[in-house]
PDB file of all heavy atoms in Angstrom:
ATOM      1  N   GLU A   1     -36.380 -45.602  26.353  1.00  0.00           N
ATOM      2  CA  GLU A   1     -35.069 -46.174  26.015  1.00  0.00           C
ATOM      3  C   GLU A   1     -35.226 -47.467  25.221  1.00  0.00           C
ATOM      4  O   GLU A   1     -34.591 -47.641  24.167  1.00  0.00           O
ATOM      5  CB  GLU A   1     -34.269 -46.446  27.288  1.00  0.00           C
ATOM      6  CG  GLU A   1     -32.893 -47.040  27.007  1.00  0.00           C
ATOM      7  CD  GLU A   1     -32.093 -47.328  28.266  1.00  0.00           C
ATOM      8  OE1 GLU A   1     -32.689 -47.806  29.258  1.00  0.00           O
ATOM      9  OE2 GLU A   1     -30.869 -47.084  28.256  1.00  0.00           O
ATOM     10  N   MET A   2     -36.080 -48.374  25.685  1.00  0.00           N
ATOM     11  CA  MET A   2     -36.260 -49.638  24.981  1.00  0.00           C
ATOM     12  C   MET A   2     -36.981 -49.432  23.652  1.00  0.00           C
ATOM     13  O   MET A   2     -36.703 -50.136  22.670  1.00  0.00           O
ATOM     14  CB  MET A   2     -37.037 -50.627  25.857  1.00  0.00           C
ATOM     15  CG  MET A   2     -36.242 -51.167  27.035  1.00  0.00           C
ATOM     16  SD  MET A   2     -34.694 -51.996  26.559  1.00  0.00           S
ATOM     17  CE  MET A   2     -35.314 -53.328  25.536  1.00  0.00           C
ATOM     18  N   GLU A   3     -37.877 -48.467  23.601  1.00  0.00           N
ATOM     19  CA  GLU A   3     -38.545 -48.152  22.333  1.00  0.00           C
ATOM     20  C   GLU A   3     -37.510 -47.746  21.281  1.00  0.00           C
ATOM     21  O   GLU A   3     -37.572 -48.195  20.132  1.00  0.00           O
ATOM     22  CB  GLU A   3     -39.557 -47.033  22.557  1.00  0.00           C
ATOM     23  CG  GLU A   3     -40.342 -46.655  21.321  1.00  0.00           C
ATOM     24  CD  GLU A   3     -41.395 -45.592  21.608  1.00  0.00           C
ATOM     25  OE1 GLU A   3     -41.909 -45.540  22.738  1.00  0.00           O
ATOM     26  OE2 GLU A   3     -41.688 -44.798  20.688  1.00  0.00           O
ATOM     27  N   ARG A   4     -36.551 -46.917  21.694  1.00  0.00           N
ATOM     28  CA  ARG A   4     -35.511 -46.482  20.759  1.00  0.00           C
ATOM     29  C   ARG A   4     -34.618 -47.650  20.335  1.00  0.00           C
ATOM     30  O   ARG A   4     -34.330 -47.820  19.138  1.00  0.00           O
ATOM     31  CB  ARG A   4     -34.667 -45.375  21.419  1.00  0.00           C
ATOM     32  CG  ARG A   4     -33.473 -44.926  20.585  1.00  0.00           C
ATOM     33  CD  ARG A   4     -32.732 -43.794  21.284  1.00  0.00           C
ATOM     34  NE  ARG A   4     -32.304 -44.129  22.622  1.00  0.00           N
ATOM     35  CZ  ARG A   4     -31.210 -44.826  22.911  1.00  0.00           C
ATOM     36  NH1 ARG A   4     -30.422 -45.269  21.932  1.00  0.00           N
ATOM     37  NH2 ARG A   4     -30.876 -45.079  24.168  1.00  0.00           N
ATOM     38  N   LEU A   5     -34.201 -48.462  21.293  1.00  0.00           N
ATOM     39  CA  LEU A   5     -33.280 -49.554  20.985  1.00  0.00           C
ATOM     40  C   LEU A   5     -33.967 -50.658  20.177  1.00  0.00           C
ATOM     41  O   LEU A   5     -33.400 -51.181  19.211  1.00  0.00           O
ATOM     42  CB  LEU A   5     -32.704 -50.132  22.284  1.00  0.00           C
ATOM     43  CG  LEU A   5     -31.762 -49.218  23.070  1.00  0.00           C
ATOM     44  CD1 LEU A   5     -31.419 -49.837  24.422  1.00  0.00           C
ATOM     45  CD2 LEU A   5     -30.488 -48.951  22.279  1.00  0.00           C
ATOM     46  N   MET A   6     -35.172 -51.023  20.557  1.00  0.00           N
ATOM     47  CA  MET A   6     -35.873 -52.095  19.853  1.00  0.00           C
ATOM     48  C   MET A   6     -36.324 -51.656  18.470  1.00  0.00           C
ATOM     49  O   MET A   6     -36.421 -52.468  17.547  1.00  0.00           O
ATOM     50  CB  MET A   6     -37.072 -52.564  20.679  1.00  0.00           C
ATOM     51  CG  MET A   6     -36.692 -53.336  21.927  1.00  0.00           C
ATOM     52  SD  MET A   6     -38.130 -53.773  22.933  1.00  0.00           S
ATOM     53  CE  MET A   6     -39.053 -54.785  21.780  1.00  0.00           C
ATOM     54  N   GLY A   7     -36.593 -50.347  18.334  1.00  0.00           N
ATOM     55  CA  GLY A   7     -37.071 -49.838  17.055  1.00  0.00           C
ATOM     56  C   GLY A   7     -36.070 -49.976  15.927  1.00  0.00           C
ATOM     57  O   GLY A   7     -36.443 -49.925  14.750  1.00  0.00           O
ATOM     58  N   VAL A   8     -34.809 -50.196  16.271  1.00  0.00           N
ATOM     59  CA  VAL A   8     -33.781 -50.396  15.242  1.00  0.00           C
ATOM     60  C   VAL A   8     -34.035 -51.689  14.478  1.00  0.00           C
ATOM     61  O   VAL A   8     -33.806 -51.768  13.261  1.00  0.00           O
ATOM     62  CB  VAL A   8     -32.380 -50.419  15.891  1.00  0.00           C
ATOM     63  CG1 VAL A   8     -31.310 -50.788  14.865  1.00  0.00           C
ATOM     64  CG2 VAL A   8     -32.066 -49.077  16.539  1.00  0.00           C
ATOM     65  N   ALA A   9     -34.514 -52.715  15.181  1.00  0.00           N
ATOM     66  CA  ALA A   9     -34.667 -54.040  14.567  1.00  0.00           C
ATOM     67  C   ALA A   9     -36.111 -54.491  14.410  1.00  0.00           C
ATOM     68  O   ALA A   9     -36.401 -55.318  13.548  1.00  0.00           O
ATOM     69  CB  ALA A   9     -33.902 -55.080  15.392  1.00  0.00           C
ATOM     70  N   TYR A  10     -37.011 -53.962  15.248  1.00  0.00           N
ATOM     71  CA  TYR A  10     -38.381 -54.474  15.283  1.00  0.00           C
ATOM     72  C   TYR A  10     -39.388 -53.364  15.026  1.00  0.00           C
ATOM     73  O   TYR A  10     -39.313 -52.287  15.633  1.00  0.00           O
ATOM     74  CB  TYR A  10     -38.673 -55.110  16.649  1.00  0.00           C
ATOM     75  CG  TYR A  10     -37.723 -56.210  17.037  1.00  0.00           C
ATOM     76  CD1 TYR A  10     -37.012 -56.152  18.241  1.00  0.00           C
ATOM     77  CD2 TYR A  10     -37.512 -57.311  16.209  1.00  0.00           C
ATOM     78  CE1 TYR A  10     -36.135 -57.161  18.603  1.00  0.00           C
ATOM     79  CE2 TYR A  10     -36.638 -58.322  16.561  1.00  0.00           C
ATOM     80  CZ  TYR A  10     -35.949 -58.241  17.760  1.00  0.00           C
ATOM     81  OH  TYR A  10     -35.087 -59.238  18.108  1.00  0.00           O
ATOM     82  N   ASP A  11     -40.338 -53.646  14.140  1.00  0.00           N
ATOM     83  CA  ASP A  11     -41.373 -52.672  13.775  1.00  0.00           C
ATOM     84  C   ASP A  11     -42.661 -53.005  14.534  1.00  0.00           C
ATOM     85  O   ASP A  11     -43.641 -53.468  13.952  1.00  0.00           O
ATOM     86  CB  ASP A  11     -41.598 -52.713  12.262  1.00  0.00           C
ATOM     87  CG  ASP A  11     -42.511 -51.596  11.780  1.00  0.00           C
ATOM     88  OD1 ASP A  11     -42.968 -50.790  12.618  1.00  0.00           O
ATOM     89  OD2 ASP A  11     -42.768 -51.541  10.564  1.00  0.00           O
ATOM     90  N   LEU A  12     -42.642 -52.776  15.846  1.00  0.00           N
ATOM     91  CA  LEU A  12     -43.823 -53.115  16.650  1.00  0.00           C
ATOM     92  C   LEU A  12     -45.094 -52.405  16.198  1.00  0.00           C
ATOM     93  O   LEU A  12     -46.174 -53.018  16.216  1.00  0.00           O
ATOM     94  CB  LEU A  12     -43.556 -52.833  18.137  1.00  0.00           C
ATOM     95  CG  LEU A  12     -43.184 -54.068  18.970  1.00  0.00           C
ATOM     96  CD1 LEU A  12     -41.846 -54.618  18.523  1.00  0.00           C
ATOM     97  CD2 LEU A  12     -43.149 -53.745  20.448  1.00  0.00           C
ATOM     98  N   PRO A  13     -45.043 -51.119  15.784  1.00  0.00           N
ATOM     99  CA  PRO A  13     -46.274 -50.493  15.303  1.00  0.00           C
ATOM    100  C   PRO A  13     -46.896 -51.256  14.134  1.00  0.00           C
ATOM    101  O   PRO A  13     -48.131 -51.356  14.047  1.00  0.00           O
ATOM    102  CB  PRO A  13     -45.810 -49.094  14.885  1.00  0.00           C
ATOM    103  CG  PRO A  13     -44.644 -48.812  15.793  1.00  0.00           C
ATOM    104  CD  PRO A  13     -43.942 -50.131  15.909  1.00  0.00           C
ATOM    105  N   ASN A  14     -46.087 -51.801  13.248  1.00  0.00           N
ATOM    106  CA  ASN A  14     -46.609 -52.600  12.138  1.00  0.00           C
ATOM    107  C   ASN A  14     -47.134 -53.940  12.637  1.00  0.00           C
ATOM    108  O   ASN A  14     -48.217 -54.384  12.241  1.00  0.00           O
ATOM    109  CB  ASN A  14     -45.514 -52.828  11.099  1.00  0.00           C
ATOM    110  CG  ASN A  14     -45.975 -53.718   9.956  1.00  0.00           C
ATOM    111  OD1 ASN A  14     -47.082 -53.586   9.454  1.00  0.00           O
ATOM    112  ND2 ASN A  14     -45.120 -54.635   9.545  1.00  0.00           N
ATOM    113  N   TYR A  15     -46.388 -54.579  13.524  1.00  0.00           N
ATOM    114  CA  TYR A  15     -46.805 -55.887  14.025  1.00  0.00           C
ATOM    115  C   TYR A  15     -48.141 -55.796  14.777  1.00  0.00           C
ATOM    116  O   TYR A  15     -49.005 -56.669  14.643  1.00  0.00           O
ATOM    117  CB  TYR A  15     -45.764 -56.473  14.987  1.00  0.00           C
ATOM    118  CG  TYR A  15     -44.371 -56.601  14.434  1.00  0.00           C
ATOM    119  CD1 TYR A  15     -43.266 -56.587  15.284  1.00  0.00           C
ATOM    120  CD2 TYR A  15     -44.125 -56.750  13.066  1.00  0.00           C
ATOM    121  CE1 TYR A  15     -41.977 -56.715  14.804  1.00  0.00           C
ATOM    122  CE2 TYR A  15     -42.833 -56.867  12.570  1.00  0.00           C
ATOM    123  CZ  TYR A  15     -41.768 -56.835  13.452  1.00  0.00           C
ATOM    124  OH  TYR A  15     -40.494 -56.951  12.972  1.00  0.00           O
ATOM    125  N   GLN A  16     -48.284 -54.719  15.577  1.00  0.00           N
ATOM    126  CA  GLN A  16     -49.445 -54.625  16.465  1.00  0.00           C
ATOM    127  C   GLN A  16     -50.585 -53.783  15.891  1.00  0.00           C
ATOM    128  O   GLN A  16     -51.705 -53.836  16.412  1.00  0.00           O
ATOM    129  CB  GLN A  16     -49.024 -54.032  17.817  1.00  0.00           C
ATOM    130  CG  GLN A  16     -48.043 -54.900  18.581  1.00  0.00           C
ATOM    131  CD  GLN A  16     -47.809 -54.388  19.994  1.00  0.00           C
ATOM    132  OE1 GLN A  16     -48.396 -53.394  20.425  1.00  0.00           O
ATOM    133  NE2 GLN A  16     -46.944 -55.057  20.725  1.00  0.00           N
ATOM    134  N   GLY A  17     -50.293 -52.987  14.874  1.00  0.00           N
ATOM    135  CA  GLY A  17     -51.334 -52.119  14.336  1.00  0.00           C
ATOM    136  C   GLY A  17     -51.579 -50.886  15.177  1.00  0.00           C
ATOM    137  O   GLY A  17     -52.637 -50.261  15.088  1.00  0.00           O
ATOM    138  N   ASN A  18     -50.610 -50.504  16.013  1.00  0.00           N
ATOM    139  CA  ASN A  18     -50.701 -49.269  16.798  1.00  0.00           C
ATOM    140  C   ASN A  18     -49.289 -48.844  17.174  1.00  0.00           C
ATOM    141  O   ASN A  18     -48.338 -49.616  17.029  1.00  0.00           O
ATOM    142  CB  ASN A  18     -51.572 -49.456  18.053  1.00  0.00           C
ATOM    143  CG  ASN A  18     -50.964 -50.444  19.039  1.00  0.00           C
ATOM    144  OD1 ASN A  18     -49.889 -50.216  19.595  1.00  0.00           O
ATOM    145  ND2 ASN A  18     -51.642 -51.575  19.249  1.00  0.00           N
ATOM    146  N   ALA A  19     -49.154 -47.628  17.648  1.00  0.00           N
ATOM    147  CA  ALA A  19     -47.826 -47.086  17.967  1.00  0.00           C
ATOM    148  C   ALA A  19     -47.621 -46.922  19.464  1.00  0.00           C
ATOM    149  O   ALA A  19     -46.868 -46.067  19.909  1.00  0.00           O
ATOM    150  CB  ALA A  19     -47.643 -45.740  17.266  1.00  0.00           C
ATOM    151  N   SER A  20     -48.266 -47.766  20.267  1.00  0.00           N
ATOM    152  CA  SER A  20     -48.224 -47.590  21.719  1.00  0.00           C
ATOM    153  C   SER A  20     -46.953 -48.114  22.361  1.00  0.00           C
ATOM    154  O   SER A  20     -46.566 -47.664  23.432  1.00  0.00           O
ATOM    155  CB  SER A  20     -49.423 -48.298  22.359  1.00  0.00           C
ATOM    156  OG  SER A  20     -49.315 -49.705  22.197  1.00  0.00           O
ATOM    157  N   TRP A  21     -46.297 -49.094  21.747  1.00  0.00           N
ATOM    158  CA  TRP A  21     -45.143 -49.758  22.326  1.00  0.00           C
ATOM    159  C   TRP A  21     -45.469 -50.363  23.686  1.00  0.00           C
ATOM    160  O   TRP A  21     -44.687 -50.298  24.624  1.00  0.00           O
ATOM    161  CB  TRP A  21     -43.930 -48.830  22.393  1.00  0.00           C
ATOM    162  CG  TRP A  21     -43.377 -48.543  21.033  1.00  0.00           C
ATOM    163  CD1 TRP A  21     -43.804 -47.563  20.165  1.00  0.00           C
ATOM    164  CD2 TRP A  21     -42.334 -49.240  20.348  1.00  0.00           C
ATOM    165  NE1 TRP A  21     -43.090 -47.606  18.989  1.00  0.00           N
ATOM    166  CE2 TRP A  21     -42.178 -48.635  19.062  1.00  0.00           C
ATOM    167  CE3 TRP A  21     -41.507 -50.310  20.679  1.00  0.00           C
ATOM    168  CZ2 TRP A  21     -41.239 -49.069  18.137  1.00  0.00           C
ATOM    169  CZ3 TRP A  21     -40.569 -50.748  19.743  1.00  0.00           C
ATOM    170  CH2 TRP A  21     -40.448 -50.122  18.500  1.00  0.00           C
ATOM    171  N   PHE A  22     -46.666 -50.921  23.785  1.00  0.00           N
ATOM    172  CA  PHE A  22     -47.064 -51.699  24.953  1.00  0.00           C
ATOM    173  C   PHE A  22     -46.858 -53.181  24.638  1.00  0.00           C
ATOM    174  O   PHE A  22     -47.092 -53.632  23.515  1.00  0.00           O
ATOM    175  CB  PHE A  22     -48.531 -51.458  25.293  1.00  0.00           C
ATOM    176  CG  PHE A  22     -48.762 -50.347  26.275  1.00  0.00           C
ATOM    177  CD1 PHE A  22     -48.404 -49.036  25.976  1.00  0.00           C
ATOM    178  CD2 PHE A  22     -49.333 -50.594  27.515  1.00  0.00           C
ATOM    179  CE1 PHE A  22     -48.612 -48.009  26.864  1.00  0.00           C
ATOM    180  CE2 PHE A  22     -49.547 -49.567  28.416  1.00  0.00           C
ATOM    181  CZ  PHE A  22     -49.192 -48.271  28.097  1.00  0.00           C
ATOM    182  N   LEU A  23     -46.463 -53.942  25.647  1.00  0.00           N
ATOM    183  CA  LEU A  23     -46.311 -55.385  25.519  1.00  0.00           C
ATOM    184  C   LEU A  23     -46.906 -56.054  26.751  1.00  0.00           C
ATOM    185  O   LEU A  23     -46.935 -55.450  27.835  1.00  0.00           O
ATOM    186  CB  LEU A  23     -44.835 -55.774  25.407  1.00  0.00           C
ATOM    187  CG  LEU A  23     -44.114 -55.407  24.104  1.00  0.00           C
ATOM    188  CD1 LEU A  23     -42.625 -55.699  24.236  1.00  0.00           C
ATOM    189  CD2 LEU A  23     -44.706 -56.185  22.938  1.00  0.00           C
ATOM    190  N   PRO A  24     -47.341 -57.298  26.605  1.00  0.00           N
ATOM    191  CA  PRO A  24     -47.773 -58.020  27.804  1.00  0.00           C
ATOM    192  C   PRO A  24     -46.566 -58.545  28.569  1.00  0.00           C
ATOM    193  O   PRO A  24     -45.533 -58.878  27.977  1.00  0.00           O
ATOM    194  CB  PRO A  24     -48.589 -59.186  27.230  1.00  0.00           C
ATOM    195  CG  PRO A  24     -47.947 -59.450  25.898  1.00  0.00           C
ATOM    196  CD  PRO A  24     -47.500 -58.099  25.384  1.00  0.00           C
ATOM    197  N   ILE A  25     -46.681 -58.584  29.884  1.00  0.00           N
ATOM    198  CA  ILE A  25     -45.719 -59.347  30.667  1.00  0.00           C
ATOM    199  C   ILE A  25     -45.943 -60.817  30.332  1.00  0.00           C
ATOM    200  O   ILE A  25     -47.064 -61.308  30.450  1.00  0.00           O
ATOM    201  CB  ILE A  25     -45.936 -59.116  32.177  1.00  0.00           C
ATOM    202  CG1 ILE A  25     -45.674 -57.664  32.550  1.00  0.00           C
ATOM    203  CG2 ILE A  25     -45.042 -60.054  32.994  1.00  0.00           C
ATOM    204  CD1 ILE A  25     -46.049 -57.328  33.978  1.00  0.00           C
ATOM    205  N   PRO A  26     -44.921 -61.532  29.873  1.00  0.00           N
ATOM    206  CA  PRO A  26     -45.129 -62.947  29.589  1.00  0.00           C
ATOM    207  C   PRO A  26     -45.627 -63.658  30.849  1.00  0.00           C
ATOM    208  O   PRO A  26     -45.044 -63.530  31.930  1.00  0.00           O
ATOM    209  CB  PRO A  26     -43.744 -63.439  29.184  1.00  0.00           C
ATOM    210  CG  PRO A  26     -43.061 -62.224  28.664  1.00  0.00           C
ATOM    211  CD  PRO A  26     -43.553 -61.104  29.533  1.00  0.00           C
ATOM    212  N   ALA A  27     -46.713 -64.368  30.726  1.00  0.00           N
ATOM    213  CA  ALA A  27     -47.339 -65.002  31.885  1.00  0.00           C
ATOM    214  C   ALA A  27     -48.010 -66.285  31.438  1.00  0.00           C
ATOM    215  O   ALA A  27     -48.399 -66.422  30.276  1.00  0.00           O
ATOM    216  CB  ALA A  27     -48.370 -64.059  32.514  1.00  0.00           C
TER     217      ALA A  27
END
């Protein structure tokens, strides 16, 4: 769900160099 919604505005595969849609828990 978040992959679909965030993908409208953010190109995480380009930013990260992979298509995993993994993020760190901010810590």
